[in-house]
C-alpha atoms as a PDB file:
ATOM      1  CA  MET A   1      -0.594  36.894 -76.223  1.00  0.00           C
ATOM      2  CA  LYS A   2      -0.730  40.359 -77.740  1.00  0.00           C
ATOM      3  CA  LYS A   3       1.503  43.227 -76.630  1.00  0.00           C
ATOM      4  CA  THR A   4      -1.332  45.173 -75.008  1.00  0.00           C
ATOM      5  CA  GLU A   5      -2.396  42.118 -73.019  1.00  0.00           C
ATOM      6  CA  THR A   6       1.192  41.587 -71.907  1.00  0.00           C
ATOM      7  CA  LYS A   7       1.567  45.209 -70.834  1.00  0.00           C
ATOM      8  CA  LYS A   8      -1.675  45.125 -68.859  1.00  0.00           C
ATOM      9  CA  SER A   9      -0.798  41.882 -67.109  1.00  0.00           C
ATOM     10  CA  LEU A  10       2.674  43.146 -66.196  1.00  0.00           C
ATOM     11  CA  ALA A  11       1.422  46.536 -65.021  1.00  0.00           C
ATOM     12  CA  GLY A  12      -0.738  44.925 -62.349  1.00  0.00           C
ATOM     13  CA  LYS A  13       2.112  42.962 -60.794  1.00  0.00           C
ATOM     14  CA  SER A  14       3.978  43.849 -57.627  1.00  0.00           C
ATOM     15  CA  PRO A  15       7.730  44.592 -57.693  1.00  0.00           C
ATOM     16  CA  ALA A  16       8.474  41.127 -56.295  1.00  0.00           C
ATOM     17  CA  ASP A  17       6.422  39.489 -59.055  1.00  0.00           C
ATOM     18  CA  LEU A  18       8.172  41.606 -61.675  1.00  0.00           C
ATOM     19  CA  GLN A  19      11.540  40.511 -60.284  1.00  0.00           C
ATOM     20  CA  LYS A  20      10.499  36.853 -60.587  1.00  0.00           C
ATOM     21  CA  GLU A  21       9.296  37.472 -64.134  1.00  0.00           C
ATOM     22  CA  LEU A  22      12.610  39.137 -64.998  1.00  0.00           C
ATOM     23  CA  GLU A  23      14.602  36.225 -63.588  1.00  0.00           C
ATOM     24  CA  ALA A  24      12.525  33.747 -65.589  1.00  0.00           C
ATOM     25  CA  LEU A  25      13.020  35.731 -68.790  1.00  0.00           C
ATOM     26  CA  LEU A  26      16.770  36.012 -68.204  1.00  0.00           C
ATOM     27  CA  ARG A  27      17.003  32.241 -67.701  1.00  0.00           C
ATOM     28  CA  GLU A  28      15.019  31.686 -70.880  1.00  0.00           C
ATOM     29  CA  GLN A  29      17.291  34.076 -72.768  1.00  0.00           C
ATOM     30  CA  PHE A  30      20.367  32.228 -71.530  1.00  0.00           C
ATOM     31  CA  GLY A  31      18.945  28.905 -72.686  1.00  0.00           C
ATOM     32  CA  LEU A  32      18.096  30.325 -76.091  1.00  0.00           C
ATOM     33  CA  ARG A  33      21.589  31.791 -76.463  1.00  0.00           C
ATOM     34  CA  MET A  34      23.107  28.397 -75.684  1.00  0.00           C
ATOM     35  CA  GLN A  35      20.841  26.758 -78.259  1.00  0.00           C
ATOM     36  CA  ALA A  36      21.857  29.361 -80.830  1.00  0.00           C
ATOM     37  CA  ALA A  37      25.553  28.800 -80.083  1.00  0.00           C
ATOM     38  CA  THR A  38      25.212  25.045 -80.597  1.00  0.00           C
ATOM     39  CA  GLN A  39      23.093  25.427 -83.753  1.00  0.00           C
ATOM     40  CA  GLN A  40      20.039  23.874 -82.069  1.00  0.00           C
ATOM     41  CA  LEU A  41      17.768  26.919 -82.098  1.00  0.00           C
ATOM     42  CA  GLN A  42      14.981  26.547 -84.650  1.00  0.00           C
ATOM     43  CA  ASP A  43      12.948  29.725 -84.014  1.00  0.00           C
ATOM     44  CA  THR A  44      15.448  32.591 -83.934  1.00  0.00           C
ATOM     45  CA  SER A  45      12.696  35.193 -83.499  1.00  0.00           C
ATOM     46  CA  LYS A  46      12.166  33.858 -79.975  1.00  0.00           C
ATOM     47  CA  LEU A  47      15.426  35.576 -78.927  1.00  0.00           C
ATOM     48  CA  GLN A  48      14.065  38.954 -79.968  1.00  0.00           C
ATOM     49  CA  THR A  49      10.729  38.327 -78.256  1.00  0.00           C
ATOM     50  CA  VAL A  50      12.404  37.399 -74.971  1.00  0.00           C
ATOM     51  CA  ARG A  51      14.774  40.375 -75.179  1.00  0.00           C
ATOM     52  CA  ARG A  52      11.825  42.731 -75.637  1.00  0.00           C
ATOM     53  CA  GLY A  53      10.017  41.092 -72.724  1.00  0.00           C
ATOM     54  CA  ILE A  54      13.049  41.739 -70.522  1.00  0.00           C
ATOM     55  CA  ALA A  55      13.039  45.379 -71.608  1.00  0.00           C
ATOM     56  CA  ARG A  56       9.317  45.693 -70.779  1.00  0.00           C
ATOM     57  CA  VAL A  57       9.782  44.294 -67.294  1.00  0.00           C
ATOM     58  CA  ARG A  58      12.826  46.474 -66.583  1.00  0.00           C
ATOM     59  CA  THR A  59      10.967  49.554 -67.826  1.00  0.00           C
ATOM     60  CA  LEU A  60       8.004  48.869 -65.537  1.00  0.00           C
ATOM     61  CA  MET A  61      10.330  48.271 -62.586  1.00  0.00           C
ATOM     62  CA  GLY A  62      12.007  51.632 -63.230  1.00  0.00           C
ATOM     63  CA  GLN A  63       8.674  53.405 -63.529  1.00  0.00           C
ATOM     64  CA  GLN A  64       7.485  51.918 -60.240  1.00  0.00           C
ATOM     65  CA  LYS A  65      10.696  53.004 -58.508  1.00  0.00           C
ATOM     66  CA  SER A  66      10.368  56.558 -59.781  1.00  0.00           C
ATOM     67  CA  GLN A  67       6.733  56.699 -58.625  1.00  0.00           C
ATOM     68  CA  VAL A  68       7.731  55.566 -55.145  1.00  0.00           C
ATOM     69  CA  ARG A  69      10.496  58.173 -54.995  1.00  0.00           C
ATOM     70  CA  GLY A  70       8.069  60.864 -56.162  1.00  0.00           C
ATOM     71  CA  GLN A  71       5.595  59.982 -53.414  1.00  0.00           C
ATOM     72  CA  GLN A  72       8.283  60.065 -50.709  1.00  0.00           C
ATOM     73  CA  ALA A  73       9.397  63.602 -51.579  1.00  0.00           C
END
């Protein structure tokens, strides 16, 4: 999946869905870190991809929070 497709699919999700996505990515990151520590990780670029995915989700969650705060004021 390309970055623009990922951004569009994440942007349409609700905060609860984004939270689930974040939890799944964090679990995946943990598993990859354990594989790297035990020398079992074959594709080391996967760590970077997952880390960037986590950053995307957290950024969108922050943007949604700031929009909600702006509408309440």
